[in-house]
Amino acid sequence: MELHNENQTYQPGDIVYVFYRNPHTQDVANIQAAAVVKNPENSAGMALFLYESYYPLSSDIAIYATEEEARQAYNYYYGNFFIGDVE
């Protein structure tokens, strides 16, 4: 099972899905939609725009092209505990 594709090329405007940990409750992870944008701090790079913040796009972030891929990976890593829709 391929959980995420590290060789994927992203373009500004792409919507992707990532796991996001609540900074106030570290034991809670959710699937969250994020936008791929040009990195405002590095014009040659890309970033994820999530919750009014920019995160440099790197291979350290597990990124999924579809919500279904993200749900499959979530279930693989955390079990079948996902509840709710992606915002």
PDB file of N, CA and C in Angstrom:
ATOM      1  N   MET A   1       0.844  -1.182   0.000  1.00  0.00           N
ATOM      2  CA  MET A   1       0.000   0.000   0.000  1.00  0.00           C
ATOM      3  C   MET A   1       0.885   1.239   0.000  1.00  0.00           C
ATOM      4  N   GLU A   2       0.751   2.092  -1.017  1.00  0.00           N
ATOM      5  CA  GLU A   2       1.491   3.342  -1.055  1.00  0.00           C
ATOM      6  C   GLU A   2       0.685   4.374  -0.293  1.00  0.00           C
ATOM      7  N   LEU A   3       1.256   4.894   0.786  1.00  0.00           N
ATOM      8  CA  LEU A   3       0.511   5.795   1.661  1.00  0.00           C
ATOM      9  C   LEU A   3       0.574   7.238   1.207  1.00  0.00           C
ATOM     10  N   HIS A   4       1.647   7.625   0.573  1.00  0.00           N
ATOM     11  CA  HIS A   4       1.712   8.947  -0.039  1.00  0.00           C
ATOM     12  C   HIS A   4       2.805   8.932  -1.083  1.00  0.00           C
ATOM     13  N   ASN A   5       2.703   9.819  -2.028  1.00  0.00           N
ATOM     14  CA  ASN A   5       3.623   9.832  -3.155  1.00  0.00           C
ATOM     15  C   ASN A   5       4.613  10.972  -2.982  1.00  0.00           C
ATOM     16  N   GLU A   6       5.854  10.647  -2.611  1.00  0.00           N
ATOM     17  CA  GLU A   6       6.869  11.673  -2.397  1.00  0.00           C
ATOM     18  C   GLU A   6       7.327  12.319  -3.702  1.00  0.00           C
ATOM     19  N   ASN A   7       7.065  11.688  -4.829  1.00  0.00           N
ATOM     20  CA  ASN A   7       7.522  12.209  -6.108  1.00  0.00           C
ATOM     21  C   ASN A   7       6.473  13.059  -6.812  1.00  0.00           C
ATOM     22  N   GLN A   8       5.379  13.333  -6.157  1.00  0.00           N
ATOM     23  CA  GLN A   8       4.296  14.113  -6.750  1.00  0.00           C
ATOM     24  C   GLN A   8       4.751  15.553  -6.986  1.00  0.00           C
ATOM     25  N   THR A   9       4.363  16.114  -8.101  1.00  0.00           N
ATOM     26  CA  THR A   9       4.626  17.516  -8.395  1.00  0.00           C
ATOM     27  C   THR A   9       3.356  18.303  -8.116  1.00  0.00           C
ATOM     28  N   TYR A  10       3.491  19.354  -7.352  1.00  0.00           N
ATOM     29  CA  TYR A  10       2.340  20.180  -6.987  1.00  0.00           C
ATOM     30  C   TYR A  10       2.438  21.536  -7.650  1.00  0.00           C
ATOM     31  N   GLN A  11       1.289  22.095  -7.953  1.00  0.00           N
ATOM     32  CA  GLN A  11       1.188  23.401  -8.579  1.00  0.00           C
ATOM     33  C   GLN A  11       0.398  24.338  -7.662  1.00  0.00           C
ATOM     34  N   PRO A  12       0.677  25.645  -7.705  1.00  0.00           N
ATOM     35  CA  PRO A  12      -0.127  26.579  -6.909  1.00  0.00           C
ATOM     36  C   PRO A  12      -1.610  26.411  -7.243  1.00  0.00           C
ATOM     37  N   GLY A  13      -2.417  26.359  -6.221  1.00  0.00           N
ATOM     38  CA  GLY A  13      -3.853  26.182  -6.407  1.00  0.00           C
ATOM     39  C   GLY A  13      -4.328  24.766  -6.174  1.00  0.00           C
ATOM     40  N   ASP A  14      -3.405  23.793  -6.153  1.00  0.00           N
ATOM     41  CA  ASP A  14      -3.797  22.415  -5.862  1.00  0.00           C
ATOM     42  C   ASP A  14      -4.338  22.318  -4.438  1.00  0.00           C
ATOM     43  N   ILE A  15      -5.353  21.523  -4.254  1.00  0.00           N
ATOM     44  CA  ILE A  15      -5.870  21.213  -2.928  1.00  0.00           C
ATOM     45  C   ILE A  15      -5.403  19.814  -2.579  1.00  0.00           C
ATOM     46  N   VAL A  16      -4.757  19.680  -1.438  1.00  0.00           N
ATOM     47  CA  VAL A  16      -4.221  18.401  -0.984  1.00  0.00           C
ATOM     48  C   VAL A  16      -4.736  18.141   0.427  1.00  0.00           C
ATOM     49  N   TYR A  17      -4.428  16.978   0.942  1.00  0.00           N
ATOM     50  CA  TYR A  17      -4.909  16.580   2.271  1.00  0.00           C
ATOM     51  C   TYR A  17      -3.721  16.148   3.116  1.00  0.00           C
ATOM     52  N   VAL A  18      -3.690  16.614   4.358  1.00  0.00           N
ATOM     53  CA  VAL A  18      -2.591  16.313   5.280  1.00  0.00           C
ATOM     54  C   VAL A  18      -3.175  15.933   6.637  1.00  0.00           C
ATOM     55  N   PHE A  19      -2.340  15.321   7.466  1.00  0.00           N
ATOM     56  CA  PHE A  19      -2.719  15.088   8.859  1.00  0.00           C
ATOM     57  C   PHE A  19      -2.308  16.331   9.635  1.00  0.00           C
ATOM     58  N   TYR A  20      -3.191  16.794  10.487  1.00  0.00           N
ATOM     59  CA  TYR A  20      -2.918  17.988  11.269  1.00  0.00           C
ATOM     60  C   TYR A  20      -3.158  17.667  12.737  1.00  0.00           C
ATOM     61  N   ARG A  21      -2.173  17.945  13.556  1.00  0.00           N
ATOM     62  CA  ARG A  21      -2.320  17.739  14.997  1.00  0.00           C
ATOM     63  C   ARG A  21      -2.726  19.055  15.643  1.00  0.00           C
ATOM     64  N   ASN A  22      -3.722  18.983  16.489  1.00  0.00           N
ATOM     65  CA  ASN A  22      -4.170  20.145  17.234  1.00  0.00           C
ATOM     66  C   ASN A  22      -3.033  20.578  18.162  1.00  0.00           C
ATOM     67  N   PRO A  23      -2.581  21.844  18.069  1.00  0.00           N
ATOM     68  CA  PRO A  23      -1.465  22.276  18.916  1.00  0.00           C
ATOM     69  C   PRO A  23      -1.810  22.278  20.406  1.00  0.00           C
ATOM     70  N   HIS A  24      -3.079  22.274  20.740  1.00  0.00           N
ATOM     71  CA  HIS A  24      -3.511  22.290  22.140  1.00  0.00           C
ATOM     72  C   HIS A  24      -3.790  20.892  22.671  1.00  0.00           C
ATOM     73  N   THR A  25      -3.999  19.934  21.770  1.00  0.00           N
ATOM     74  CA  THR A  25      -4.276  18.545  22.154  1.00  0.00           C
ATOM     75  C   THR A  25      -3.463  17.647  21.231  1.00  0.00           C
ATOM     76  N   GLN A  26      -2.214  17.409  21.580  1.00  0.00           N
ATOM     77  CA  GLN A  26      -1.282  16.714  20.691  1.00  0.00           C
ATOM     78  C   GLN A  26      -1.660  15.277  20.369  1.00  0.00           C
ATOM     79  N   ASP A  27      -2.532  14.662  21.152  1.00  0.00           N
ATOM     80  CA  ASP A  27      -2.885  13.271  20.862  1.00  0.00           C
ATOM     81  C   ASP A  27      -4.071  13.160  19.911  1.00  0.00           C
ATOM     82  N   VAL A  28      -4.479  14.281  19.316  1.00  0.00           N
ATOM     83  CA  VAL A  28      -5.590  14.289  18.370  1.00  0.00           C
ATOM     84  C   VAL A  28      -5.055  14.695  16.996  1.00  0.00           C
ATOM     85  N   ALA A  29      -5.297  13.851  15.996  1.00  0.00           N
ATOM     86  CA  ALA A  29      -4.905  14.161  14.624  1.00  0.00           C
ATOM     87  C   ALA A  29      -6.149  14.122  13.750  1.00  0.00           C
ATOM     88  N   ASN A  30      -6.203  15.027  12.800  1.00  0.00           N
ATOM     89  CA  ASN A  30      -7.327  15.103  11.870  1.00  0.00           C
ATOM     90  C   ASN A  30      -6.795  15.187  10.448  1.00  0.00           C
ATOM     91  N   ILE A  31      -7.644  14.856   9.506  1.00  0.00           N
ATOM     92  CA  ILE A  31      -7.333  15.079   8.098  1.00  0.00           C
ATOM     93  C   ILE A  31      -7.815  16.488   7.769  1.00  0.00           C
ATOM     94  N   GLN A  32      -6.962  17.253   7.126  1.00  0.00           N
ATOM     95  CA  GLN A  32      -7.312  18.626   6.811  1.00  0.00           C
ATOM     96  C   GLN A  32      -6.950  18.937   5.367  1.00  0.00           C
ATOM     97  N   ALA A  33      -7.843  19.609   4.665  1.00  0.00           N
ATOM     98  CA  ALA A  33      -7.542  20.084   3.320  1.00  0.00           C
ATOM     99  C   ALA A  33      -6.615  21.290   3.439  1.00  0.00           C
ATOM    100  N   ALA A  34      -5.665  21.398   2.518  1.00  0.00           N
ATOM    101  CA  ALA A  34      -4.726  22.519   2.488  1.00  0.00           C
ATOM    102  C   ALA A  34      -4.501  22.921   1.035  1.00  0.00           C
ATOM    103  N   ALA A  35      -4.177  24.177   0.840  1.00  0.00           N
ATOM    104  CA  ALA A  35      -3.908  24.682  -0.509  1.00  0.00           C
ATOM    105  C   ALA A  35      -2.400  24.762  -0.732  1.00  0.00           C
ATOM    106  N   VAL A  36      -1.970  24.372  -1.918  1.00  0.00           N
ATOM    107  CA  VAL A  36      -0.570  24.545  -2.305  1.00  0.00           C
ATOM    108  C   VAL A  36      -0.457  25.952  -2.887  1.00  0.00           C
ATOM    109  N   VAL A  37       0.504  26.720  -2.374  1.00  0.00           N
ATOM    110  CA  VAL A  37       0.704  28.106  -2.812  1.00  0.00           C
ATOM    111  C   VAL A  37       2.199  28.368  -2.973  1.00  0.00           C
ATOM    112  N   LYS A  38       2.524  29.484  -3.614  1.00  0.00           N
ATOM    113  CA  LYS A  38       3.924  29.902  -3.663  1.00  0.00           C
ATOM    114  C   LYS A  38       4.320  30.334  -2.258  1.00  0.00           C
ATOM    115  N   ASN A  39       5.509  29.942  -1.850  1.00  0.00           N
ATOM    116  CA  ASN A  39       5.989  30.265  -0.517  1.00  0.00           C
ATOM    117  C   ASN A  39       6.285  31.765  -0.435  1.00  0.00           C
ATOM    118  N   PRO A  40       5.600  32.490   0.453  1.00  0.00           N
ATOM    119  CA  PRO A  40       5.831  33.935   0.532  1.00  0.00           C
ATOM    120  C   PRO A  40       7.209  34.296   1.084  1.00  0.00           C
ATOM    121  N   GLU A  41       7.884  33.356   1.732  1.00  0.00           N
ATOM    122  CA  GLU A  41       9.207  33.620   2.294  1.00  0.00           C
ATOM    123  C   GLU A  41      10.332  33.163   1.368  1.00  0.00           C
ATOM    124  N   ASN A  42       9.977  32.401   0.317  1.00  0.00           N
ATOM    125  CA  ASN A  42      10.970  31.889  -0.622  1.00  0.00           C
ATOM    126  C   ASN A  42      10.289  31.778  -1.978  1.00  0.00           C
ATOM    127  N   SER A  43      10.488  32.753  -2.831  1.00  0.00           N
ATOM    128  CA  SER A  43       9.761  32.810  -4.102  1.00  0.00           C
ATOM    129  C   SER A  43      10.030  31.607  -5.005  1.00  0.00           C
ATOM    130  N   ALA A  44      11.109  30.886  -4.767  1.00  0.00           N
ATOM    131  CA  ALA A  44      11.414  29.716  -5.585  1.00  0.00           C
ATOM    132  C   ALA A  44      10.746  28.456  -5.049  1.00  0.00           C
ATOM    133  N   GLY A  45      10.164  28.526  -3.864  1.00  0.00           N
ATOM    134  CA  GLY A  45       9.595  27.343  -3.242  1.00  0.00           C
ATOM    135  C   GLY A  45       8.083  27.365  -3.180  1.00  0.00           C
ATOM    136  N   MET A  46       7.541  26.262  -2.709  1.00  0.00           N
ATOM    137  CA  MET A  46       6.102  26.111  -2.541  1.00  0.00           C
ATOM    138  C   MET A  46       5.813  25.928  -1.052  1.00  0.00           C
ATOM    139  N   ALA A  47       4.564  26.186  -0.679  1.00  0.00           N
ATOM    140  CA  ALA A  47       4.154  26.028   0.711  1.00  0.00           C
ATOM    141  C   ALA A  47       2.730  25.500   0.762  1.00  0.00           C
ATOM    142  N   LEU A  48       2.371  24.966   1.909  1.00  0.00           N
ATOM    143  CA  LEU A  48       0.978  24.601   2.187  1.00  0.00           C
ATOM    144  C   LEU A  48       0.368  25.737   2.982  1.00  0.00           C
ATOM    145  N   PHE A  49      -0.826  26.142   2.610  1.00  0.00           N
ATOM    146  CA  PHE A  49      -1.542  27.165   3.361  1.00  0.00           C
ATOM    147  C   PHE A  49      -2.628  26.451   4.141  1.00  0.00           C
ATOM    148  N   LEU A  50      -2.497  26.497   5.465  1.00  0.00           N
ATOM    149  CA  LEU A  50      -3.370  25.739   6.351  1.00  0.00           C
ATOM    150  C   LEU A  50      -3.620  26.556   7.607  1.00  0.00           C
ATOM    151  N   TYR A  51      -4.872  26.776   7.934  1.00  0.00           N
ATOM    152  CA  TYR A  51      -5.241  27.541   9.132  1.00  0.00           C
ATOM    153  C   TYR A  51      -4.522  28.880   9.199  1.00  0.00           C
ATOM    154  N   GLU A  52      -4.552  29.630   8.114  1.00  0.00           N
ATOM    155  CA  GLU A  52      -3.975  30.976   8.040  1.00  0.00           C
ATOM    156  C   GLU A  52      -2.469  31.001   8.263  1.00  0.00           C
ATOM    157  N   SER A  53      -1.798  29.862   8.048  1.00  0.00           N
ATOM    158  CA  SER A  53      -0.347  29.780   8.192  1.00  0.00           C
ATOM    159  C   SER A  53       0.255  29.102   6.967  1.00  0.00           C
ATOM    160  N   TYR A  54       1.515  29.421   6.698  1.00  0.00           N
ATOM    161  CA  TYR A  54       2.250  28.816   5.595  1.00  0.00           C
ATOM    162  C   TYR A  54       3.237  27.794   6.154  1.00  0.00           C
ATOM    163  N   TYR A  55       3.289  26.621   5.538  1.00  0.00           N
ATOM    164  CA  TYR A  55       4.223  25.566   5.915  1.00  0.00           C
ATOM    165  C   TYR A  55       5.012  25.191   4.669  1.00  0.00           C
ATOM    166  N   PRO A  56       6.341  25.366   4.684  1.00  0.00           N
ATOM    167  CA  PRO A  56       7.130  25.022   3.495  1.00  0.00           C
ATOM    168  C   PRO A  56       6.865  23.582   3.056  1.00  0.00           C
ATOM    169  N   LEU A  57       6.659  23.407   1.778  1.00  0.00           N
ATOM    170  CA  LEU A  57       6.404  22.085   1.210  1.00  0.00           C
ATOM    171  C   LEU A  57       7.714  21.296   1.231  1.00  0.00           C
ATOM    172  N   SER A  58       7.696  20.150   1.907  1.00  0.00           N
ATOM    173  CA  SER A  58       8.905  19.340   1.998  1.00  0.00           C
ATOM    174  C   SER A  58       8.514  17.866   2.038  1.00  0.00           C
ATOM    175  N   SER A  59       9.518  17.016   1.897  1.00  0.00           N
ATOM    176  CA  SER A  59       9.261  15.578   1.933  1.00  0.00           C
ATOM    177  C   SER A  59       8.970  15.090   3.351  1.00  0.00           C
ATOM    178  N   ASP A  60       9.105  15.956   4.342  1.00  0.00           N
ATOM    179  CA  ASP A  60       8.795  15.594   5.727  1.00  0.00           C
ATOM    180  C   ASP A  60       7.296  15.580   6.004  1.00  0.00           C
ATOM    181  N   ILE A  61       6.507  16.112   5.085  1.00  0.00           N
ATOM    182  CA  ILE A  61       5.063  16.187   5.266  1.00  0.00           C
ATOM    183  C   ILE A  61       4.394  15.129   4.400  1.00  0.00           C
ATOM    184  N   ALA A  62       3.573  14.305   5.020  1.00  0.00           N
ATOM    185  CA  ALA A  62       2.806  13.313   4.260  1.00  0.00           C
ATOM    186  C   ALA A  62       1.627  14.032   3.622  1.00  0.00           C
ATOM    187  N   ILE A  63       1.628  14.085   2.306  1.00  0.00           N
ATOM    188  CA  ILE A  63       0.604  14.809   1.556  1.00  0.00           C
ATOM    189  C   ILE A  63      -0.139  13.816   0.677  1.00  0.00           C
ATOM    190  N   TYR A  64      -1.450  13.941   0.654  1.00  0.00           N
ATOM    191  CA  TYR A  64      -2.293  13.035  -0.116  1.00  0.00           C
ATOM    192  C   TYR A  64      -3.092  13.844  -1.123  1.00  0.00           C
ATOM    193  N   ALA A  65      -3.163  13.319  -2.338  1.00  0.00           N
ATOM    194  CA  ALA A  65      -3.842  14.031  -3.421  1.00  0.00           C
ATOM    195  C   ALA A  65      -5.359  14.007  -3.278  1.00  0.00           C
ATOM    196  N   THR A  66      -5.885  12.975  -2.635  1.00  0.00           N
ATOM    197  CA  THR A  66      -7.334  12.876  -2.484  1.00  0.00           C
ATOM    198  C   THR A  66      -7.691  12.628  -1.023  1.00  0.00           C
ATOM    199  N   GLU A  67      -8.903  12.967  -0.679  1.00  0.00           N
ATOM    200  CA  GLU A  67      -9.386  12.717   0.669  1.00  0.00           C
ATOM    201  C   GLU A  67      -9.424  11.217   0.963  1.00  0.00           C
ATOM    202  N   GLU A  68      -9.767  10.419  -0.044  1.00  0.00           N
ATOM    203  CA  GLU A  68      -9.833   8.968   0.144  1.00  0.00           C
ATOM    204  C   GLU A  68      -8.452   8.393   0.480  1.00  0.00           C
ATOM    205  N   GLU A  69      -7.403   8.841  -0.215  1.00  0.00           N
ATOM    206  CA  GLU A  69      -6.045   8.393   0.104  1.00  0.00           C
ATOM    207  C   GLU A  69      -5.680   8.766   1.535  1.00  0.00           C
ATOM    208  N   ALA A  70      -6.039   9.971   1.943  1.00  0.00           N
ATOM    209  CA  ALA A  70      -5.746  10.427   3.299  1.00  0.00           C
ATOM    210  C   ALA A  70      -6.492   9.583   4.330  1.00  0.00           C
ATOM    211  N   ARG A  71      -7.743   9.263   4.053  1.00  0.00           N
ATOM    212  CA  ARG A  71      -8.519   8.424   4.983  1.00  0.00           C
ATOM    213  C   ARG A  71      -7.919   7.019   5.104  1.00  0.00           C
ATOM    214  N   GLN A  72      -7.486   6.452   3.995  1.00  0.00           N
ATOM    215  CA  GLN A  72      -6.867   5.129   4.032  1.00  0.00           C
ATOM    216  C   GLN A  72      -5.593   5.158   4.874  1.00  0.00           C
ATOM    217  N   ALA A  73      -4.771   6.175   4.684  1.00  0.00           N
ATOM    218  CA  ALA A  73      -3.540   6.295   5.460  1.00  0.00           C
ATOM    219  C   ALA A  73      -3.855   6.548   6.930  1.00  0.00           C
ATOM    220  N   TYR A  74      -4.843   7.381   7.191  1.00  0.00           N
ATOM    221  CA  TYR A  74      -5.248   7.663   8.572  1.00  0.00           C
ATOM    222  C   TYR A  74      -5.657   6.370   9.264  1.00  0.00           C
ATOM    223  N   ASN A  75      -6.476   5.574   8.596  1.00  0.00           N
ATOM    224  CA  ASN A  75      -6.913   4.302   9.171  1.00  0.00           C
ATOM    225  C   ASN A  75      -5.739   3.348   9.367  1.00  0.00           C
ATOM    226  N   TYR A  76      -4.776   3.375   8.465  1.00  0.00           N
ATOM    227  CA  TYR A  76      -3.595   2.530   8.581  1.00  0.00           C
ATOM    228  C   TYR A  76      -2.779   2.909   9.825  1.00  0.00           C
ATOM    229  N   TYR A  77      -2.562   4.220  10.022  1.00  0.00           N
ATOM    230  CA  TYR A  77      -1.723   4.685  11.121  1.00  0.00           C
ATOM    231  C   TYR A  77      -2.450   4.765  12.463  1.00  0.00           C
ATOM    232  N   TYR A  78      -3.713   5.181  12.448  1.00  0.00           N
ATOM    233  CA  TYR A  78      -4.419   5.460  13.697  1.00  0.00           C
ATOM    234  C   TYR A  78      -5.569   4.506  13.980  1.00  0.00           C
ATOM    235  N   GLY A  79      -5.860   3.609  13.075  1.00  0.00           N
ATOM    236  CA  GLY A  79      -7.017   2.735  13.250  1.00  0.00           C
ATOM    237  C   GLY A  79      -8.233   3.393  12.649  1.00  0.00           C
ATOM    238  N   ASN A  80      -9.355   2.765  12.766  1.00  0.00           N
ATOM    239  CA  ASN A  80     -10.577   3.242  12.146  1.00  0.00           C
ATOM    240  C   ASN A  80     -11.347   4.165  13.082  1.00  0.00           C
ATOM    241  N   PHE A  81     -10.706   5.269  13.480  1.00  0.00           N
ATOM    242  CA  PHE A  81     -11.311   6.178  14.442  1.00  0.00           C
ATOM    243  C   PHE A  81     -11.723   7.500  13.848  1.00  0.00           C
ATOM    244  N   PHE A  82     -11.581   7.671  12.527  1.00  0.00           N
ATOM    245  CA  PHE A  82     -11.892   8.953  11.908  1.00  0.00           C
ATOM    246  C   PHE A  82     -13.374   9.235  11.951  1.00  0.00           C
ATOM    247  N   ILE A  83     -13.729  10.407  12.426  1.00  0.00           N
ATOM    248  CA  ILE A  83     -15.129  10.831  12.494  1.00  0.00           C
ATOM    249  C   ILE A  83     -15.210  12.225  11.901  1.00  0.00           C
ATOM    250  N   GLY A  84     -16.189  12.463  11.056  1.00  0.00           N
ATOM    251  CA  GLY A  84     -16.421  13.810  10.550  1.00  0.00           C
ATOM    252  C   GLY A  84     -15.911  14.002   9.141  1.00  0.00           C
ATOM    253  N   ASP A  85     -16.252  15.174   8.593  1.00  0.00           N
ATOM    254  CA  ASP A  85     -15.861  15.516   7.250  1.00  0.00           C
ATOM    255  C   ASP A  85     -14.645  16.436   7.263  1.00  0.00           C
ATOM    256  N   VAL A  86     -13.907  16.423   6.194  1.00  0.00           N
ATOM    257  CA  VAL A  86     -12.772  17.320   6.046  1.00  0.00           C
ATOM    258  C   VAL A  86     -13.313  18.697   5.741  1.00  0.00           C
ATOM    259  N   GLU A  87     -12.754  19.690   6.392  1.00  0.00           N
ATOM    260  CA  GLU A  87     -13.186  21.072   6.144  1.00  0.00           C
ATOM    261  C   GLU A  87     -12.370  21.686   5.047  1.00  0.00           C
TER     262      GLU A  87
END
